[in-house]
Protein backbone atom coordinates (compact mmCIF):
# COMPACT_ATOMS: atom_id res chain seq x y z
CA GLN A 1 -28.88 -25.12 41.29
CA VAL A 2 -26.38 -24.28 38.56
CA GLN A 3 -27.43 -22.08 35.68
CA LEU A 4 -25.75 -22.18 32.27
CA VAL A 5 -26.02 -19.44 29.67
CA GLU A 6 -24.86 -19.95 26.11
CA SER A 7 -24.08 -17.26 23.56
CA GLY A 8 -22.48 -16.90 20.15
CA GLY A 9 -24.89 -18.72 17.88
CA GLY A 10 -26.18 -17.31 14.63
CA LEU A 11 -26.36 -17.63 10.88
CA VAL A 12 -23.14 -18.33 8.99
CA GLN A 13 -22.27 -19.37 5.46
CA PRO A 14 -20.70 -22.77 4.73
CA GLY A 15 -16.99 -22.62 5.42
CA GLY A 16 -17.44 -19.89 8.01
CA SER A 17 -16.66 -19.85 11.72
CA LEU A 18 -18.46 -19.22 14.97
CA ARG A 19 -17.38 -19.28 18.59
CA LEU A 20 -19.87 -20.42 21.21
CA SER A 21 -19.47 -19.43 24.84
CA CYS A 22 -21.09 -20.80 27.98
CA VAL A 23 -20.87 -19.43 31.50
CA HIS A 24 -22.04 -21.30 34.59
CA SER A 25 -23.16 -19.99 37.98
CA GLY A 26 -21.77 -22.82 40.11
CA SER A 27 -18.68 -23.01 42.25
CA ILE A 28 -15.48 -23.40 40.24
CA PHE A 29 -14.67 -26.34 42.52
CA SER A 30 -17.95 -28.17 41.87
CA ILE A 31 -17.87 -28.58 38.08
CA ASN A 32 -16.08 -31.61 36.68
CA VAL A 33 -16.88 -31.99 32.98
CA MET A 34 -18.32 -29.31 30.73
CA GLY A 35 -19.51 -30.10 27.27
CA TRP A 36 -21.34 -29.07 24.16
CA TYR A 37 -24.17 -31.09 22.67
CA ARG A 38 -26.34 -30.39 19.65
CA GLN A 39 -29.76 -31.36 18.43
CA ALA A 40 -30.89 -31.00 14.84
CA PRO A 41 -34.59 -31.12 13.90
CA GLY A 42 -35.88 -34.68 14.02
CA LYS A 43 -32.66 -36.03 15.49
CA GLU A 44 -31.50 -37.01 18.95
CA ARG A 45 -29.23 -34.78 20.99
CA GLU A 46 -25.60 -35.77 20.46
CA LEU A 47 -22.29 -35.01 22.08
CA VAL A 48 -20.10 -32.58 20.15
CA ALA A 49 -17.23 -32.22 22.59
CA ASP A 50 -16.53 -32.17 26.29
CA ILE A 51 -13.63 -31.25 28.51
CA ALA A 52 -12.79 -32.37 32.01
CA SER A 53 -11.56 -30.17 34.83
CA GLY A 54 -8.03 -31.46 34.25
CA GLY A 55 -8.16 -30.35 30.63
CA SER A 56 -8.59 -33.63 28.77
CA ALA A 57 -11.00 -33.22 25.87
CA ASN A 58 -13.22 -35.55 23.89
CA VAL A 59 -14.38 -34.52 20.42
CA ALA A 60 -16.91 -36.27 18.19
CA ASP A 61 -15.52 -37.76 14.99
CA SER A 62 -17.98 -35.73 12.91
CA VAL A 63 -16.37 -32.44 13.98
CA LYS A 64 -12.81 -33.52 14.74
CA GLY A 65 -10.32 -31.21 13.06
CA ARG A 66 -12.93 -28.45 12.68
CA PHE A 67 -14.19 -27.80 16.22
CA THR A 68 -12.10 -27.08 19.30
CA ILE A 69 -13.33 -27.04 22.89
CA SER A 70 -11.57 -25.03 25.56
CA ARG A 71 -12.23 -24.00 29.11
CA ASP A 72 -11.37 -21.20 31.51
CA SER A 73 -12.36 -22.61 34.89
CA ALA A 74 -11.48 -19.43 36.78
CA LYS A 75 -13.95 -17.50 34.60
CA LYS A 76 -16.48 -20.36 34.73
CA MET A 77 -16.45 -20.47 30.94
CA VAL A 78 -16.34 -23.12 28.26
CA TYR A 79 -15.94 -22.33 24.58
CA LEU A 80 -16.52 -24.10 21.30
CA GLN A 81 -14.60 -22.76 18.33
CA MET A 82 -16.27 -23.98 15.16
CA ASN A 83 -14.41 -23.64 11.87
CA ASN A 84 -15.21 -24.77 8.34
CA LEU A 85 -18.88 -25.06 9.23
CA LYS A 86 -21.10 -27.26 7.11
CA PRO A 87 -24.88 -27.24 6.59
CA GLU A 88 -25.07 -30.48 8.58
CA ASP A 89 -23.75 -28.59 11.61
CA THR A 90 -27.05 -26.72 11.77
CA ALA A 91 -28.62 -27.44 15.16
CA VAL A 92 -29.42 -26.04 18.55
CA TYR A 93 -26.22 -26.23 20.60
CA TYR A 94 -26.50 -26.89 24.32
CA CYS A 95 -23.97 -26.46 27.09
CA LYS A 96 -23.89 -29.10 29.81
CA ALA A 97 -22.18 -29.15 33.19
CA HIS A 98 -21.47 -32.31 35.14
CA THR A 99 -20.59 -31.79 38.78
CA PHE A 100 -18.33 -33.89 40.98
CA SER A 101 -21.49 -34.93 42.86
CA ASP A 102 -22.81 -36.49 39.63
CA THR A 103 -25.47 -33.87 38.92
CA TYR A 104 -26.14 -32.57 35.42
CA TYR A 105 -27.27 -29.13 34.32
CA TRP A 106 -28.19 -27.86 30.85
CA GLY A 107 -28.27 -24.45 29.26
CA GLN A 108 -31.21 -23.19 27.24
CA GLY A 109 -29.44 -23.67 23.91
CA THR A 110 -28.27 -21.42 21.10
CA GLN A 111 -29.21 -21.83 17.45
CA VAL A 112 -26.49 -22.33 14.86
CA THR A 113 -27.58 -22.19 11.23
CA VAL A 114 -25.17 -22.87 8.38
CA SER A 115 -26.65 -21.81 5.08
CA SER A 116 -25.81 -19.83 1.99
């Protein structure tokens, strides 16, 4: 069982920045893709960005140019740098780990609220 713990959420004004962090408890050799998803009230959970073990990243069009995903595999960490935040970015943000054995694990989520 792999556990994921997110941190870094909070309340920020429009145009502000936040950095989300996620640490996993699995083996550094077992995790393939790590990603960030978000779910706003009344909406389905959607991919924000993910990054493979080799470093290739995939970023949703809605956040491209504002959000950056990065990863430190040795520290078992994945980060999401969020700049120029907008009210529509308000959601619970979840970290997800996909192992090489095709198993998925989710974190408990961290709330991001963008409001003046």
